Amino acid sequence: MEKNTSCFFSNSSPNLVITCFVAFITIILVRFLYVIYRTGKPLNKRTPQQTLSTLIVLGSGGHTAEMINLLLVLQKDRFTPRFYIAAATDNMSLQKARVFENSLADSGVKGISAEFMQIYRSREVGQSYVTSVWTTLVATAHALWLMIKIRPQVVLCNGPGTCIPLCVIAFIFKVVGIRWSSIFYVESIARVKRLSLSGLLLYKLQIADQFFVQWPQLQRKYPRAHYAGCLM
């Protein structure tokens, strides 16, 4: 009798593991398809007084200048607290963000709350692809830590490569139910005929909830994008 019982459990255990694994994969797949379906659609209405924690990804060159122009028309009292993130090797972007936040305080804007953070880059300009494997893993782990810490409700980005791991993690958080972050991507004004690599990835993978371009010909080429006009 004992021998038969042990045989029953030994035979059923692998089947049980397989069944649980298939059920788990099915749940994740259904949730993934639901997130894709809901991406870009308006969420449940929030009260006007409710604030939204906002992650703002800055980039070197003209990216930060464009983002500051975008923030000028943002409802400062609604999109708060604001978390600014720039690459660890970018020494200017966070400084510009601090100047912007200080100008808000000087102008009498109430309820200002901002934090400034740096993130490791996956690959520096000119870095070999072999060594970039390790730096990409480090950058991804760092991005995951920052996203767990911030858990933003809104993500704003406009093209720097540092936004990709952050947006991917935000999308994964949606799938697993940690946090539903609305991702807004505004392509750089320098992109006239085709998207940047960051923009192309977010567009093709349908990660961004709202995707904006600044040139009408780009909107015609990528019909899911919205034409926002020139921000500069």
C-alpha atoms as a PDB file:
ATOM      1  CA  MET A   1       0.000   0.000   0.000  1.00  0.00           C
ATOM      2  CA  GLU A   2       2.784   2.403   0.937  1.00  0.00           C
ATOM      3  CA  LYS A   3       4.583   1.566  -2.285  1.00  0.00           C
ATOM      4  CA  ASN A   4       1.507   2.364  -4.378  1.00  0.00           C
ATOM      5  CA  THR A   5       0.940   5.638  -2.538  1.00  0.00           C
ATOM      6  CA  SER A   6       4.512   6.798  -3.080  1.00  0.00           C
ATOM      7  CA  CYS A   7       4.252   5.932  -6.756  1.00  0.00           C
ATOM      8  CA  PHE A   8       1.069   8.017  -7.020  1.00  0.00           C
ATOM      9  CA  PHE A   9       2.723  11.120  -5.579  1.00  0.00           C
ATOM     10  CA  SER A  10       5.891  10.663  -7.602  1.00  0.00           C
ATOM     11  CA  ASN A  11       3.861  10.461 -10.802  1.00  0.00           C
ATOM     12  CA  SER A  12       1.503  13.334  -9.967  1.00  0.00           C
ATOM     13  CA  SER A  13       4.129  15.828  -8.757  1.00  0.00           C
ATOM     14  CA  PRO A  14       5.615  16.571 -12.186  1.00  0.00           C
ATOM     15  CA  ASN A  15       2.128  16.967 -13.636  1.00  0.00           C
ATOM     16  CA  LEU A  16       1.184  19.364 -10.849  1.00  0.00           C
ATOM     17  CA  VAL A  17       4.295  21.460 -11.440  1.00  0.00           C
ATOM     18  CA  ILE A  18       3.603  21.602 -15.180  1.00  0.00           C
ATOM     19  CA  THR A  19      -0.033  22.552 -14.582  1.00  0.00           C
ATOM     20  CA  CYS A  20       0.951  25.361 -12.199  1.00  0.00           C
ATOM     21  CA  PHE A  21       3.574  26.614 -14.618  1.00  0.00           C
ATOM     22  CA  VAL A  22       1.118  26.660 -17.529  1.00  0.00           C
ATOM     23  CA  ALA A  23      -1.469  28.429 -15.369  1.00  0.00           C
ATOM     24  CA  PHE A  24       1.093  31.050 -14.336  1.00  0.00           C
ATOM     25  CA  ILE A  25       2.195  31.677 -17.931  1.00  0.00           C
ATOM     26  CA  THR A  26      -1.445  31.935 -19.008  1.00  0.00           C
ATOM     27  CA  ILE A  27      -2.216  34.515 -16.319  1.00  0.00           C
ATOM     28  CA  ILE A  28       0.849  36.590 -17.265  1.00  0.00           C
ATOM     29  CA  LEU A  29      -0.065  36.391 -20.965  1.00  0.00           C
ATOM     30  CA  VAL A  30      -3.649  37.478 -20.317  1.00  0.00           C
ATOM     31  CA  ARG A  31      -2.437  40.328 -18.126  1.00  0.00           C
ATOM     32  CA  PHE A  32       0.092  41.341 -20.795  1.00  0.00           C
ATOM     33  CA  LEU A  33      -2.598  41.475 -23.485  1.00  0.00           C
ATOM     34  CA  TYR A  34      -4.846  43.482 -21.143  1.00  0.00           C
ATOM     35  CA  VAL A  35      -2.067  46.022 -20.529  1.00  0.00           C
ATOM     36  CA  ILE A  36      -1.470  46.344 -24.280  1.00  0.00           C
ATOM     37  CA  TYR A  37      -5.217  46.836 -24.785  1.00  0.00           C
ATOM     38  CA  ARG A  38      -5.443  49.476 -22.045  1.00  0.00           C
ATOM     39  CA  THR A  39      -2.290  51.333 -23.090  1.00  0.00           C
ATOM     40  CA  GLY A  40      -3.216  54.764 -24.392  1.00  0.00           C
ATOM     41  CA  LYS A  41      -6.768  54.638 -23.081  1.00  0.00           C
ATOM     42  CA  PRO A  42      -7.854  57.066 -20.338  1.00  0.00           C
ATOM     43  CA  LEU A  43      -7.733  55.734 -16.805  1.00  0.00           C
ATOM     44  CA  ASN A  44     -10.477  56.090 -14.235  1.00  0.00           C
ATOM     45  CA  LYS A  45     -11.233  59.716 -13.453  1.00  0.00           C
ATOM     46  CA  ARG A  46      -9.299  61.147 -10.551  1.00  0.00           C
ATOM     47  CA  THR A  47     -10.384  63.989  -8.328  1.00  0.00           C
ATOM     48  CA  PRO A  48      -8.891  67.392  -9.299  1.00  0.00           C
ATOM     49  CA  GLN A  49      -7.073  67.558  -5.958  1.00  0.00           C
ATOM     50  CA  GLN A  50      -5.289  64.245  -6.459  1.00  0.00           C
ATOM     51  CA  THR A  51      -1.597  64.620  -7.251  1.00  0.00           C
ATOM     52  CA  LEU A  52       0.444  62.339  -9.499  1.00  0.00           C
ATOM     53  CA  SER A  53       4.025  61.364  -8.721  1.00  0.00           C
ATOM     54  CA  THR A  54       5.944  62.106 -11.901  1.00  0.00           C
ATOM     55  CA  LEU A  55       9.250  60.737 -13.166  1.00  0.00           C
ATOM     56  CA  ILE A  56      11.027  63.061 -15.627  1.00  0.00           C
ATOM     57  CA  VAL A  57      13.896  61.595 -17.654  1.00  0.00           C
ATOM     58  CA  LEU A  58      16.474  64.147 -18.769  1.00  0.00           C
ATOM     59  CA  GLY A  59      19.102  63.814 -21.487  1.00  0.00           C
ATOM     60  CA  SER A  60      22.185  65.679 -22.588  1.00  0.00           C
ATOM     61  CA  GLY A  61      22.186  68.125 -25.463  1.00  0.00           C
ATOM     62  CA  GLY A  62      18.838  69.532 -26.467  1.00  0.00           C
ATOM     63  CA  HIS A  63      16.766  66.882 -24.696  1.00  0.00           C
ATOM     64  CA  THR A  64      16.760  68.715 -21.370  1.00  0.00           C
ATOM     65  CA  ALA A  65      15.981  72.083 -22.985  1.00  0.00           C
ATOM     66  CA  GLU A  66      12.966  70.553 -24.725  1.00  0.00           C
ATOM     67  CA  MET A  67      11.831  68.877 -21.521  1.00  0.00           C
ATOM     68  CA  ILE A  68      12.042  72.159 -19.579  1.00  0.00           C
ATOM     69  CA  ASN A  69       9.858  73.797 -22.243  1.00  0.00           C
ATOM     70  CA  LEU A  70       7.379  70.964 -21.827  1.00  0.00           C
ATOM     71  CA  LEU A  71       7.376  71.369 -18.053  1.00  0.00           C
ATOM     72  CA  LEU A  72       6.589  75.067 -18.376  1.00  0.00           C
ATOM     73  CA  VAL A  73       3.036  74.198 -19.458  1.00  0.00           C
ATOM     74  CA  LEU A  74       2.646  71.348 -16.973  1.00  0.00           C
ATOM     75  CA  GLN A  75       0.244  71.686 -14.050  1.00  0.00           C
ATOM     76  CA  LYS A  76       2.884  71.935 -11.354  1.00  0.00           C
ATOM     77  CA  ASP A  77       0.457  71.472  -8.468  1.00  0.00           C
ATOM     78  CA  ARG A  78      -0.989  68.297 -10.016  1.00  0.00           C
ATOM     79  CA  PHE A  79       2.145  66.543 -11.271  1.00  0.00           C
ATOM     80  CA  THR A  80       3.942  66.369  -7.968  1.00  0.00           C
ATOM     81  CA  PRO A  81       6.194  65.183  -6.438  1.00  0.00           C
ATOM     82  CA  ARG A  82       8.551  65.323  -9.404  1.00  0.00           C
ATOM     83  CA  PHE A  83      11.557  63.023  -9.702  1.00  0.00           C
ATOM     84  CA  TYR A  84      14.254  64.084 -12.158  1.00  0.00           C
ATOM     85  CA  ILE A  85      16.632  61.405 -13.457  1.00  0.00           C
ATOM     86  CA  ALA A  86      19.702  61.940 -15.661  1.00  0.00           C
ATOM     87  CA  ALA A  87      22.663  59.786 -16.643  1.00  0.00           C
ATOM     88  CA  ALA A  88      25.501  59.614 -14.125  1.00  0.00           C
ATOM     89  CA  THR A  89      27.874  61.145 -16.686  1.00  0.00           C
ATOM     90  CA  ASP A  90      25.517  64.033 -17.453  1.00  0.00           C
ATOM     91  CA  ASN A  91      26.682  66.961 -15.324  1.00  0.00           C
ATOM     92  CA  MET A  92      24.393  69.657 -16.720  1.00  0.00           C
ATOM     93  CA  SER A  93      20.839  68.311 -16.939  1.00  0.00           C
ATOM     94  CA  LEU A  94      20.113  68.016 -13.226  1.00  0.00           C
ATOM     95  CA  GLN A  95      21.607  71.465 -12.671  1.00  0.00           C
ATOM     96  CA  LYS A  96      19.151  72.910 -15.219  1.00  0.00           C
ATOM     97  CA  ALA A  97      16.299  71.061 -13.524  1.00  0.00           C
ATOM     98  CA  ARG A  98      17.278  72.535 -10.151  1.00  0.00           C
ATOM     99  CA  VAL A  99      17.322  76.022 -11.669  1.00  0.00           C
ATOM    100  CA  PHE A 100      13.849  75.377 -13.083  1.00  0.00           C
ATOM    101  CA  GLU A 101      12.470  74.179  -9.740  1.00  0.00           C
ATOM    102  CA  ASN A 102      14.057  77.140  -7.938  1.00  0.00           C
ATOM    103  CA  SER A 103      12.400  79.502 -10.406  1.00  0.00           C
ATOM    104  CA  LEU A 104       9.037  77.938  -9.546  1.00  0.00           C
ATOM    105  CA  ALA A 105       9.689  78.512  -5.858  1.00  0.00           C
ATOM    106  CA  ASP A 106      10.712  82.114  -6.490  1.00  0.00           C
ATOM    107  CA  SER A 107       7.559  82.733  -8.510  1.00  0.00           C
ATOM    108  CA  GLY A 108       5.402  81.617  -5.596  1.00  0.00           C
ATOM    109  CA  VAL A 109       4.242  78.200  -6.833  1.00  0.00           C
ATOM    110  CA  LYS A 110       3.016  76.296  -3.790  1.00  0.00           C
ATOM    111  CA  GLY A 111       3.499  72.652  -2.893  1.00  0.00           C
ATOM    112  CA  ILE A 112       6.791  72.218  -4.761  1.00  0.00           C
ATOM    113  CA  SER A 113       8.373  68.835  -4.172  1.00  0.00           C
ATOM    114  CA  ALA A 114      11.248  67.646  -6.339  1.00  0.00           C
ATOM    115  CA  GLU A 115      14.069  65.123  -6.089  1.00  0.00           C
ATOM    116  CA  PHE A 116      17.097  64.758  -8.354  1.00  0.00           C
ATOM    117  CA  MET A 117      18.717  61.403  -9.134  1.00  0.00           C
ATOM    118  CA  GLN A 118      21.323  59.900 -11.419  1.00  0.00           C
ATOM    119  CA  ILE A 119      21.290  56.564 -13.191  1.00  0.00           C
ATOM    120  CA  TYR A 120      24.038  54.461 -14.742  1.00  0.00           C
ATOM    121  CA  ARG A 121      24.148  54.431 -18.534  1.00  0.00           C
ATOM    122  CA  SER A 122      23.877  51.151 -20.400  1.00  0.00           C
ATOM    123  CA  ARG A 123      26.546  52.164 -22.891  1.00  0.00           C
ATOM    124  CA  GLU A 124      28.752  55.199 -23.212  1.00  0.00           C
ATOM    125  CA  VAL A 125      29.580  56.758 -26.565  1.00  0.00           C
ATOM    126  CA  GLY A 126      32.415  54.749 -28.136  1.00  0.00           C
ATOM    127  CA  GLN A 127      32.193  51.901 -25.617  1.00  0.00           C
ATOM    128  CA  SER A 128      32.677  48.417 -27.063  1.00  0.00           C
ATOM    129  CA  TYR A 129      29.669  46.111 -27.245  1.00  0.00           C
ATOM    130  CA  VAL A 130      31.513  43.415 -25.288  1.00  0.00           C
ATOM    131  CA  THR A 131      32.070  45.584 -22.214  1.00  0.00           C
ATOM    132  CA  SER A 132      28.602  47.116 -22.588  1.00  0.00           C
ATOM    133  CA  VAL A 133      27.033  43.762 -21.652  1.00  0.00           C
ATOM    134  CA  TRP A 134      28.166  44.187 -18.051  1.00  0.00           C
ATOM    135  CA  THR A 135      27.332  47.893 -17.881  1.00  0.00           C
ATOM    136  CA  THR A 136      23.864  47.175 -19.300  1.00  0.00           C
ATOM    137  CA  LEU A 137      23.199  44.635 -16.536  1.00  0.00           C
ATOM    138  CA  VAL A 138      24.378  47.118 -13.896  1.00  0.00           C
ATOM    139  CA  ALA A 139      22.287  49.917 -15.410  1.00  0.00           C
ATOM    140  CA  THR A 140      19.190  47.692 -15.533  1.00  0.00           C
ATOM    141  CA  ALA A 141      19.594  46.683 -11.890  1.00  0.00           C
ATOM    142  CA  HIS A 142      20.043  50.323 -10.911  1.00  0.00           C
ATOM    143  CA  ALA A 143      16.967  51.331 -12.931  1.00  0.00           C
ATOM    144  CA  LEU A 144      14.947  48.615 -11.209  1.00  0.00           C
ATOM    145  CA  TRP A 145      16.030  49.867  -7.790  1.00  0.00           C
ATOM    146  CA  LEU A 146      15.081  53.446  -8.665  1.00  0.00           C
ATOM    147  CA  MET A 147      11.684  52.408 -10.047  1.00  0.00           C
ATOM    148  CA  ILE A 148      10.909  50.356  -6.929  1.00  0.00           C
ATOM    149  CA  LYS A 149      11.838  53.387  -4.828  1.00  0.00           C
ATOM    150  CA  ILE A 150       9.867  55.945  -6.857  1.00  0.00           C
ATOM    151  CA  ARG A 151       6.958  53.900  -8.275  1.00  0.00           C
ATOM    152  CA  PRO A 152       5.802  56.864 -10.399  1.00  0.00           C
ATOM    153  CA  GLN A 153       2.268  57.293 -11.672  1.00  0.00           C
ATOM    154  CA  VAL A 154       3.482  59.284 -14.686  1.00  0.00           C
ATOM    155  CA  VAL A 155       6.691  58.939 -16.728  1.00  0.00           C
ATOM    156  CA  LEU A 156       7.780  61.791 -19.044  1.00  0.00           C
ATOM    157  CA  CYS A 157      10.609  61.266 -21.507  1.00  0.00           C
ATOM    158  CA  ASN A 158      11.767  62.637 -24.838  1.00  0.00           C
ATOM    159  CA  GLY A 159      14.468  60.478 -26.298  1.00  0.00           C
ATOM    160  CA  PRO A 160      17.585  59.883 -24.165  1.00  0.00           C
ATOM    161  CA  GLY A 161      18.644  56.235 -24.085  1.00  0.00           C
ATOM    162  CA  THR A 162      18.424  56.216 -20.286  1.00  0.00           C
ATOM    163  CA  CYS A 163      14.632  56.242 -20.588  1.00  0.00           C
ATOM    164  CA  ILE A 164      14.432  52.763 -22.156  1.00  0.00           C
ATOM    165  CA  PRO A 165      15.150  50.598 -19.058  1.00  0.00           C
ATOM    166  CA  LEU A 166      12.963  52.886 -16.943  1.00  0.00           C
ATOM    167  CA  CYS A 167      10.021  52.654 -19.362  1.00  0.00           C
ATOM    168  CA  VAL A 168      10.408  48.886 -19.792  1.00  0.00           C
ATOM    169  CA  ILE A 169      10.399  48.396 -16.025  1.00  0.00           C
ATOM    170  CA  ALA A 170       7.359  50.678 -15.696  1.00  0.00           C
ATOM    171  CA  PHE A 171       5.600  48.508 -18.290  1.00  0.00           C
ATOM    172  CA  ILE A 172       6.549  45.325 -16.420  1.00  0.00           C
ATOM    173  CA  PHE A 173       5.180  46.876 -13.215  1.00  0.00           C
ATOM    174  CA  LYS A 174       1.855  47.266 -15.047  1.00  0.00           C
ATOM    175  CA  VAL A 175       1.843  43.623 -16.103  1.00  0.00           C
ATOM    176  CA  VAL A 176       2.602  42.246 -12.634  1.00  0.00           C
ATOM    177  CA  GLY A 177       0.306  44.749 -10.914  1.00  0.00           C
ATOM    178  CA  ILE A 178       2.868  46.703  -8.883  1.00  0.00           C
ATOM    179  CA  ARG A 179       1.986  50.144 -10.250  1.00  0.00           C
ATOM    180  CA  TRP A 180       0.138  51.479 -13.284  1.00  0.00           C
ATOM    181  CA  SER A 181       2.376  54.199 -14.710  1.00  0.00           C
ATOM    182  CA  SER A 182       1.200  56.289 -17.655  1.00  0.00           C
ATOM    183  CA  ILE A 183       4.161  56.737 -20.009  1.00  0.00           C
ATOM    184  CA  PHE A 184       4.275  59.869 -22.186  1.00  0.00           C
ATOM    185  CA  TYR A 185       6.961  60.069 -24.844  1.00  0.00           C
ATOM    186  CA  VAL A 186       7.700  63.226 -26.852  1.00  0.00           C
ATOM    187  CA  GLU A 187      10.100  62.690 -29.739  1.00  0.00           C
ATOM    188  CA  SER A 188      12.880  65.260 -30.076  1.00  0.00           C
ATOM    189  CA  ILE A 189      12.399  68.124 -32.516  1.00  0.00           C
ATOM    190  CA  ALA A 190      15.669  67.060 -34.151  1.00  0.00           C
ATOM    191  CA  ARG A 191      13.891  63.970 -35.475  1.00  0.00           C
ATOM    192  CA  VAL A 192      12.269  65.211 -38.668  1.00  0.00           C
ATOM    193  CA  LYS A 193      12.049  62.175 -40.961  1.00  0.00           C
ATOM    194  CA  ARG A 194      12.477  59.163 -38.704  1.00  0.00           C
ATOM    195  CA  LEU A 195      12.269  58.295 -35.020  1.00  0.00           C
ATOM    196  CA  SER A 196      15.230  57.980 -32.711  1.00  0.00           C
ATOM    197  CA  LEU A 197      16.181  54.486 -31.549  1.00  0.00           C
ATOM    198  CA  SER A 198      14.522  55.133 -28.183  1.00  0.00           C
ATOM    199  CA  GLY A 199      11.355  56.374 -29.853  1.00  0.00           C
ATOM    200  CA  LEU A 200      11.295  53.497 -32.334  1.00  0.00           C
ATOM    201  CA  LEU A 201      11.578  50.916 -29.548  1.00  0.00           C
ATOM    202  CA  LEU A 202       8.809  52.460 -27.455  1.00  0.00           C
ATOM    203  CA  TYR A 203       6.595  52.864 -30.533  1.00  0.00           C
ATOM    204  CA  LYS A 204       7.075  49.353 -31.928  1.00  0.00           C
ATOM    205  CA  LEU A 205       6.738  47.670 -28.535  1.00  0.00           C
ATOM    206  CA  GLN A 206       3.686  49.820 -27.711  1.00  0.00           C
ATOM    207  CA  ILE A 207       5.108  50.683 -24.318  1.00  0.00           C
ATOM    208  CA  ALA A 208       4.230  54.398 -24.357  1.00  0.00           C
ATOM    209  CA  ASP A 209       0.645  55.292 -23.476  1.00  0.00           C
ATOM    210  CA  GLN A 210       0.866  58.497 -25.502  1.00  0.00           C
ATOM    211  CA  PHE A 211       3.462  59.052 -28.214  1.00  0.00           C
ATOM    212  CA  PHE A 212       4.008  62.579 -29.570  1.00  0.00           C
ATOM    213  CA  VAL A 213       6.055  63.882 -32.508  1.00  0.00           C
ATOM    214  CA  GLN A 214       6.883  67.463 -33.448  1.00  0.00           C
ATOM    215  CA  TRP A 215       6.723  67.164 -37.233  1.00  0.00           C
ATOM    216  CA  PRO A 216       3.575  66.304 -39.248  1.00  0.00           C
ATOM    217  CA  GLN A 217       5.461  64.038 -41.658  1.00  0.00           C
ATOM    218  CA  LEU A 218       6.497  61.851 -38.726  1.00  0.00           C
ATOM    219  CA  GLN A 219       2.874  61.521 -37.670  1.00  0.00           C
ATOM    220  CA  ARG A 220       1.941  60.393 -41.177  1.00  0.00           C
ATOM    221  CA  LYS A 221       4.746  57.820 -41.138  1.00  0.00           C
ATOM    222  CA  TYR A 222       3.849  56.571 -37.643  1.00  0.00           C
ATOM    223  CA  PRO A 223       0.034  56.819 -37.435  1.00  0.00           C
ATOM    224  CA  ARG A 224      -0.244  55.892 -33.754  1.00  0.00           C
ATOM    225  CA  ALA A 225       1.759  58.994 -32.873  1.00  0.00           C
ATOM    226  CA  HIS A 226       0.141  62.351 -32.095  1.00  0.00           C
ATOM    227  CA  TYR A 227       1.340  65.580 -33.691  1.00  0.00           C
ATOM    228  CA  ALA A 228       2.119  68.016 -30.870  1.00  0.00           C
ATOM    229  CA  GLY A 229       3.591  70.881 -32.868  1.00  0.00           C
ATOM    230  CA  CYS A 230       7.041  72.331 -32.173  1.00  0.00           C
ATOM    231  CA  LEU A 231       7.970  72.713 -28.520  1.00  0.00           C
ATOM    232  CA  MET A 232      11.086  74.800 -29.144  1.00  0.00           C
END
